[in-house]
């Protein structure tokens, strides 16, 4: 019984981690665009003009949309919570 439950759990986790065929490149592109956009919205120095979202892909491609949302959330909140301190003190 326990072995069957463990096998089911492993199978479910494995299926969640996989990208649908053909969407990995779109996901990666979306994640990169979303991350740049999140850093821009979080006011990271040097990213003030990097807000990027391909509206056509975002509307039509699930992989791009999921990547963009994940990239945006991850990078925005990381920069918001732990802002880059770019002073003349070498990051100190």
Foldseek 3Di string as FASTA:
>chain_A
DVVVVVVVVVVVVVVVPDDPPPLPVLLQVLLVLLLLLLCCVLVAPPSVPSNDDDVVCCVPPPSSVVSNVVNNVVNNVVCNVPPQDDDPPVRD
